[in-house]
Amino acid sequence: MQTVNVSSLKNNPSEALRSARNDLVVVMNRDQPDAVMIGLQSGKLLSEPGARAALATALFRDGGLSLARGARMAQMPMADFITHVSRLGIPVITHDAQEATRDMDTLDQWLATS
């Protein structure tokens, strides 16, 4: 296990990421453990069945990944990823009423010119 303090993490994050590929890295903040970095590739975590899909789903749900990037991370075709997240009750499209109205107006304009 290795340790890195917050200031050195801020100054050189690449070194901490390289270290996390080989071992756990504990991030210290004012002499207190604050976080743990785990290299996903080295631990073979992403090769476990369902791990990629679960991580991609959580990141998509929380706004950390777009739909397309989520599908790539999950190693699924886009249509399959859409079906997957929809079955879990995660909305694929999140528009408020104003955005939906603007989209409908744009569609109406487009249809009128076709």
Protein backbone atom coordinates (compact mmCIF):
# COMPACT_ATOMS: atom_id res chain seq x y z
CA MET A 1 0.00 0.00 0.00
CA GLN A 2 1.25 3.45 -0.88
CA THR A 3 0.29 6.87 0.39
CA VAL A 4 0.12 10.24 -1.30
CA ASN A 5 -0.89 13.57 0.19
CA VAL A 6 -3.44 15.87 -1.42
CA SER A 7 -0.91 18.49 -2.48
CA SER A 8 1.32 15.98 -4.28
CA LEU A 9 -1.78 14.47 -5.88
CA LYS A 10 -2.73 17.92 -7.16
CA ASN A 11 0.80 18.59 -8.45
CA ASN A 12 1.37 15.20 -10.08
CA PRO A 13 -1.78 13.07 -10.44
CA SER A 14 -0.14 10.86 -13.08
CA GLU A 15 2.30 9.43 -10.57
CA ALA A 16 -0.49 8.45 -8.18
CA LEU A 17 -2.46 6.87 -11.03
CA ARG A 18 0.58 4.84 -12.11
CA SER A 19 1.05 3.71 -8.51
CA ALA A 20 -2.61 2.71 -8.26
CA ARG A 21 -2.13 0.30 -11.17
CA ASN A 22 0.17 -1.78 -8.97
CA ASP A 23 -1.12 -1.28 -5.45
CA LEU A 24 -3.69 0.55 -3.34
CA VAL A 25 -2.94 4.23 -2.92
CA VAL A 26 -4.26 5.98 0.18
CA VAL A 27 -4.77 9.72 -0.25
CA MET A 28 -3.93 11.58 2.95
CA ASN A 29 -5.41 14.95 3.84
CA ARG A 30 -3.76 16.65 6.81
CA ASP A 31 -2.41 13.38 8.19
CA GLN A 32 -5.81 11.69 7.91
CA PRO A 33 -6.76 9.09 5.29
CA ASP A 34 -9.27 10.69 2.94
CA ALA A 35 -9.63 8.38 -0.07
CA VAL A 36 -8.34 5.20 -1.64
CA MET A 37 -7.32 4.85 -5.27
CA ILE A 38 -7.63 1.42 -6.84
CA GLY A 39 -6.37 0.57 -10.31
CA LEU A 40 -9.27 -1.15 -12.06
CA GLN A 41 -7.23 -2.75 -14.83
CA SER A 42 -4.56 -4.27 -12.60
CA GLY A 43 -7.04 -5.85 -10.21
CA LYS A 44 -8.94 -7.47 -13.06
CA LEU A 45 -12.07 -5.90 -11.60
CA LEU A 46 -13.41 -4.83 -14.97
CA SER A 47 -13.12 -8.37 -16.34
CA GLU A 48 -15.62 -9.70 -13.78
CA PRO A 49 -19.03 -10.49 -15.33
CA GLY A 50 -21.28 -7.43 -15.24
CA ALA A 51 -18.66 -5.11 -13.72
CA ARG A 52 -18.25 -2.91 -16.81
CA ALA A 53 -22.01 -2.62 -17.28
CA ALA A 54 -22.54 -1.81 -13.60
CA LEU A 55 -19.85 0.87 -13.57
CA ALA A 56 -21.03 2.38 -16.86
CA THR A 57 -24.64 2.38 -15.63
CA ALA A 58 -23.77 4.12 -12.37
CA LEU A 59 -21.62 6.72 -14.13
CA PHE A 60 -24.33 7.38 -16.74
CA ARG A 61 -27.05 7.63 -14.05
CA ASP A 62 -24.98 10.16 -12.09
CA GLY A 63 -24.11 12.24 -15.16
CA GLY A 64 -20.45 11.23 -15.33
CA LEU A 65 -20.79 9.61 -18.76
CA SER A 66 -22.85 10.33 -21.83
CA LEU A 67 -25.08 7.62 -23.23
CA ALA A 68 -22.59 6.83 -26.00
CA ARG A 69 -19.61 6.66 -23.64
CA GLY A 70 -21.60 4.54 -21.22
CA ALA A 71 -22.39 2.07 -24.00
CA ARG A 72 -18.71 1.94 -25.01
CA MET A 73 -17.57 1.41 -21.42
CA ALA A 74 -20.16 -1.33 -20.96
CA GLN A 75 -19.02 -2.83 -24.27
CA MET A 76 -22.62 -2.89 -25.50
CA PRO A 77 -24.24 -1.64 -28.67
CA MET A 78 -26.03 1.66 -28.01
CA ALA A 79 -29.49 0.09 -28.38
CA ASP A 80 -28.65 -2.61 -25.83
CA PHE A 81 -27.32 -0.04 -23.35
CA ILE A 82 -30.47 2.06 -23.78
CA THR A 83 -32.59 -1.02 -23.07
CA HIS A 84 -30.39 -1.93 -20.10
CA VAL A 85 -30.63 1.46 -18.36
CA SER A 86 -34.33 1.81 -19.22
CA ARG A 87 -35.09 -1.52 -17.54
CA LEU A 88 -33.38 -0.17 -14.43
CA GLY A 89 -35.66 2.88 -14.45
CA ILE A 90 -32.89 5.28 -15.46
CA PRO A 91 -34.18 7.88 -17.93
CA VAL A 92 -32.24 7.98 -21.18
CA ILE A 93 -33.37 11.50 -21.98
CA THR A 94 -33.71 14.08 -19.25
CA HIS A 95 -35.46 17.19 -20.55
CA ASP A 96 -37.39 19.70 -18.55
CA ALA A 97 -40.66 21.09 -19.90
CA GLN A 98 -39.00 24.06 -21.63
CA GLU A 99 -36.47 21.88 -23.44
CA ALA A 100 -39.20 19.49 -24.56
CA THR A 101 -41.29 22.41 -25.85
CA ARG A 102 -38.30 23.81 -27.78
CA ASP A 103 -37.62 20.40 -29.28
CA MET A 104 -41.24 20.04 -30.35
CA ASP A 105 -41.18 23.53 -31.91
CA THR A 106 -38.02 22.63 -33.81
CA LEU A 107 -39.63 19.40 -35.00
CA ASP A 108 -42.75 21.29 -36.13
CA GLN A 109 -40.60 23.77 -38.09
CA TRP A 110 -38.64 20.95 -39.68
CA LEU A 111 -41.81 19.07 -40.65
CA ALA A 112 -43.32 22.25 -42.14
CA THR A 113 -40.31 22.67 -44.44
CA SER A 114 -40.23 19.03 -45.55
